[in-house]
């Protein structure tokens, strides 16, 4: 797989105190980015990757994280407007 992959996962706290999943994306050049996922996005990601645990996400491509963030955001979009 080319591009960034999930290299680490951990729990974090959002600004409102809710738990969130923080994934580390490691890029081919060695750079890293942290991405915070709310409960909806984290659940979507786990389902999409067929992962039984957060640790099972390690090695998955960044595209799955992107899609999870989009799914989380799109849940607020009202259909037909």
C-alpha atoms as a PDB file:
ATOM      1  CA  UNK A   1       0.000   0.000   0.000  1.00  0.00           C
ATOM      2  CA  UNK A   2       1.265   3.473  -0.817  1.00  0.00           C
ATOM      3  CA  UNK A   3       0.548   6.605   1.146  1.00  0.00           C
ATOM      4  CA  UNK A   4      -0.016   7.033   4.846  1.00  0.00           C
ATOM      5  CA  UNK A   5      -1.039   4.189   7.143  1.00  0.00           C
ATOM      6  CA  UNK A   6      -2.280   4.028  10.710  1.00  0.00           C
ATOM      7  CA  UNK A   7       0.771   3.404  12.883  1.00  0.00           C
ATOM      8  CA  UNK A   8      -0.711   3.919  16.357  1.00  0.00           C
ATOM      9  CA  UNK A   9      -4.074   4.271  18.109  1.00  0.00           C
ATOM     10  CA  UNK A  10      -4.986   5.557  21.552  1.00  0.00           C
ATOM     11  CA  UNK A  11      -7.862   7.039  23.475  1.00  0.00           C
ATOM     12  CA  UNK A  12      -8.080  10.766  23.997  1.00  0.00           C
ATOM     13  CA  UNK A  13     -10.485  13.298  25.431  1.00  0.00           C
ATOM     14  CA  UNK A  14     -12.289  15.815  23.273  1.00  0.00           C
ATOM     15  CA  UNK A  15     -12.719  19.415  24.389  1.00  0.00           C
ATOM     16  CA  UNK A  16     -16.146  18.505  25.800  1.00  0.00           C
ATOM     17  CA  UNK A  17     -14.740  15.586  27.775  1.00  0.00           C
ATOM     18  CA  UNK A  18     -16.102  12.853  25.499  1.00  0.00           C
ATOM     19  CA  UNK A  19     -13.761  10.009  24.629  1.00  0.00           C
ATOM     20  CA  UNK A  20     -12.343   9.912  21.121  1.00  0.00           C
ATOM     21  CA  UNK A  21      -9.981   7.685  19.205  1.00  0.00           C
ATOM     22  CA  UNK A  22      -6.698   9.314  18.213  1.00  0.00           C
ATOM     23  CA  UNK A  23      -4.947   7.644  15.298  1.00  0.00           C
ATOM     24  CA  UNK A  24      -1.419   8.382  14.156  1.00  0.00           C
ATOM     25  CA  UNK A  25      -0.917   8.396  10.403  1.00  0.00           C
ATOM     26  CA  UNK A  26       2.644   7.702   9.274  1.00  0.00           C
ATOM     27  CA  UNK A  27       3.592   8.909   5.819  1.00  0.00           C
ATOM     28  CA  UNK A  28       6.076   7.349   3.426  1.00  0.00           C
ATOM     29  CA  UNK A  29       8.591  10.115   4.185  1.00  0.00           C
ATOM     30  CA  UNK A  30       8.466   9.341   7.926  1.00  0.00           C
ATOM     31  CA  UNK A  31       6.208  12.244   8.850  1.00  0.00           C
ATOM     32  CA  UNK A  32       3.297  11.699  11.201  1.00  0.00           C
ATOM     33  CA  UNK A  33      -0.075  13.333  11.802  1.00  0.00           C
ATOM     34  CA  UNK A  34      -2.515  12.793  14.639  1.00  0.00           C
ATOM     35  CA  UNK A  35      -6.192  12.541  13.717  1.00  0.00           C
ATOM     36  CA  UNK A  36      -8.959  12.628  16.334  1.00  0.00           C
ATOM     37  CA  UNK A  37     -12.105  10.629  15.616  1.00  0.00           C
ATOM     38  CA  UNK A  38     -15.355  11.102  17.490  1.00  0.00           C
ATOM     39  CA  UNK A  39     -17.403   8.076  18.542  1.00  0.00           C
ATOM     40  CA  UNK A  40     -19.311   7.962  15.253  1.00  0.00           C
ATOM     41  CA  UNK A  41     -16.180   8.154  13.083  1.00  0.00           C
ATOM     42  CA  UNK A  42     -14.314   5.645  15.265  1.00  0.00           C
ATOM     43  CA  UNK A  43     -17.196   3.157  15.040  1.00  0.00           C
ATOM     44  CA  UNK A  44     -17.400   3.663  11.281  1.00  0.00           C
ATOM     45  CA  UNK A  45     -13.656   3.070  10.934  1.00  0.00           C
ATOM     46  CA  UNK A  46     -13.715  -0.093  13.028  1.00  0.00           C
ATOM     47  CA  UNK A  47     -16.613  -1.454  10.975  1.00  0.00           C
ATOM     48  CA  UNK A  48     -15.053  -0.500   7.633  1.00  0.00           C
ATOM     49  CA  UNK A  49     -11.793  -2.220   8.583  1.00  0.00           C
ATOM     50  CA  UNK A  50     -13.607  -5.200  10.125  1.00  0.00           C
ATOM     51  CA  UNK A  51     -11.487  -4.609  13.210  1.00  0.00           C
ATOM     52  CA  UNK A  52     -12.466  -6.189  16.516  1.00  0.00           C
ATOM     53  CA  UNK A  53     -10.235  -3.781  18.458  1.00  0.00           C
ATOM     54  CA  UNK A  54      -8.547  -0.427  17.996  1.00  0.00           C
ATOM     55  CA  UNK A  55      -5.146  -2.121  17.781  1.00  0.00           C
ATOM     56  CA  UNK A  56      -6.368  -4.060  14.738  1.00  0.00           C
ATOM     57  CA  UNK A  57      -6.514  -0.745  12.840  1.00  0.00           C
ATOM     58  CA  UNK A  58      -2.720  -0.514  12.694  1.00  0.00           C
ATOM     59  CA  UNK A  59      -1.569  -0.869   9.110  1.00  0.00           C
ATOM     60  CA  UNK A  60      -4.837   0.327   7.565  1.00  0.00           C
ATOM     61  CA  UNK A  61      -4.597   3.029   4.915  1.00  0.00           C
ATOM     62  CA  UNK A  62      -5.321   6.709   5.462  1.00  0.00           C
ATOM     63  CA  UNK A  63      -8.236   6.485   3.011  1.00  0.00           C
ATOM     64  CA  UNK A  64     -10.282   4.630   5.629  1.00  0.00           C
ATOM     65  CA  UNK A  65      -9.657   7.450   8.118  1.00  0.00           C
ATOM     66  CA  UNK A  66     -10.669  10.024   5.501  1.00  0.00           C
ATOM     67  CA  UNK A  67     -13.866   8.111   4.768  1.00  0.00           C
ATOM     68  CA  UNK A  68     -14.678   7.783   8.479  1.00  0.00           C
ATOM     69  CA  UNK A  69     -14.309  11.536   8.951  1.00  0.00           C
ATOM     70  CA  UNK A  70     -16.536  12.182   5.926  1.00  0.00           C
ATOM     71  CA  UNK A  71     -19.184   9.769   7.222  1.00  0.00           C
ATOM     72  CA  UNK A  72     -19.139  11.473  10.609  1.00  0.00           C
ATOM     73  CA  UNK A  73     -19.503  14.906   9.044  1.00  0.00           C
ATOM     74  CA  UNK A  74     -22.177  13.803   6.577  1.00  0.00           C
ATOM     75  CA  UNK A  75     -24.469  12.563   9.325  1.00  0.00           C
ATOM     76  CA  UNK A  76     -25.347  16.209   9.965  1.00  0.00           C
ATOM     77  CA  UNK A  77     -26.294  16.907   6.363  1.00  0.00           C
ATOM     78  CA  UNK A  78     -30.048  16.935   5.892  1.00  0.00           C
ATOM     79  CA  UNK A  79     -31.231  15.093   2.820  1.00  0.00           C
ATOM     80  CA  UNK A  80     -33.135  17.134   0.281  1.00  0.00           C
ATOM     81  CA  UNK A  81     -31.760  20.519   1.311  1.00  0.00           C
END
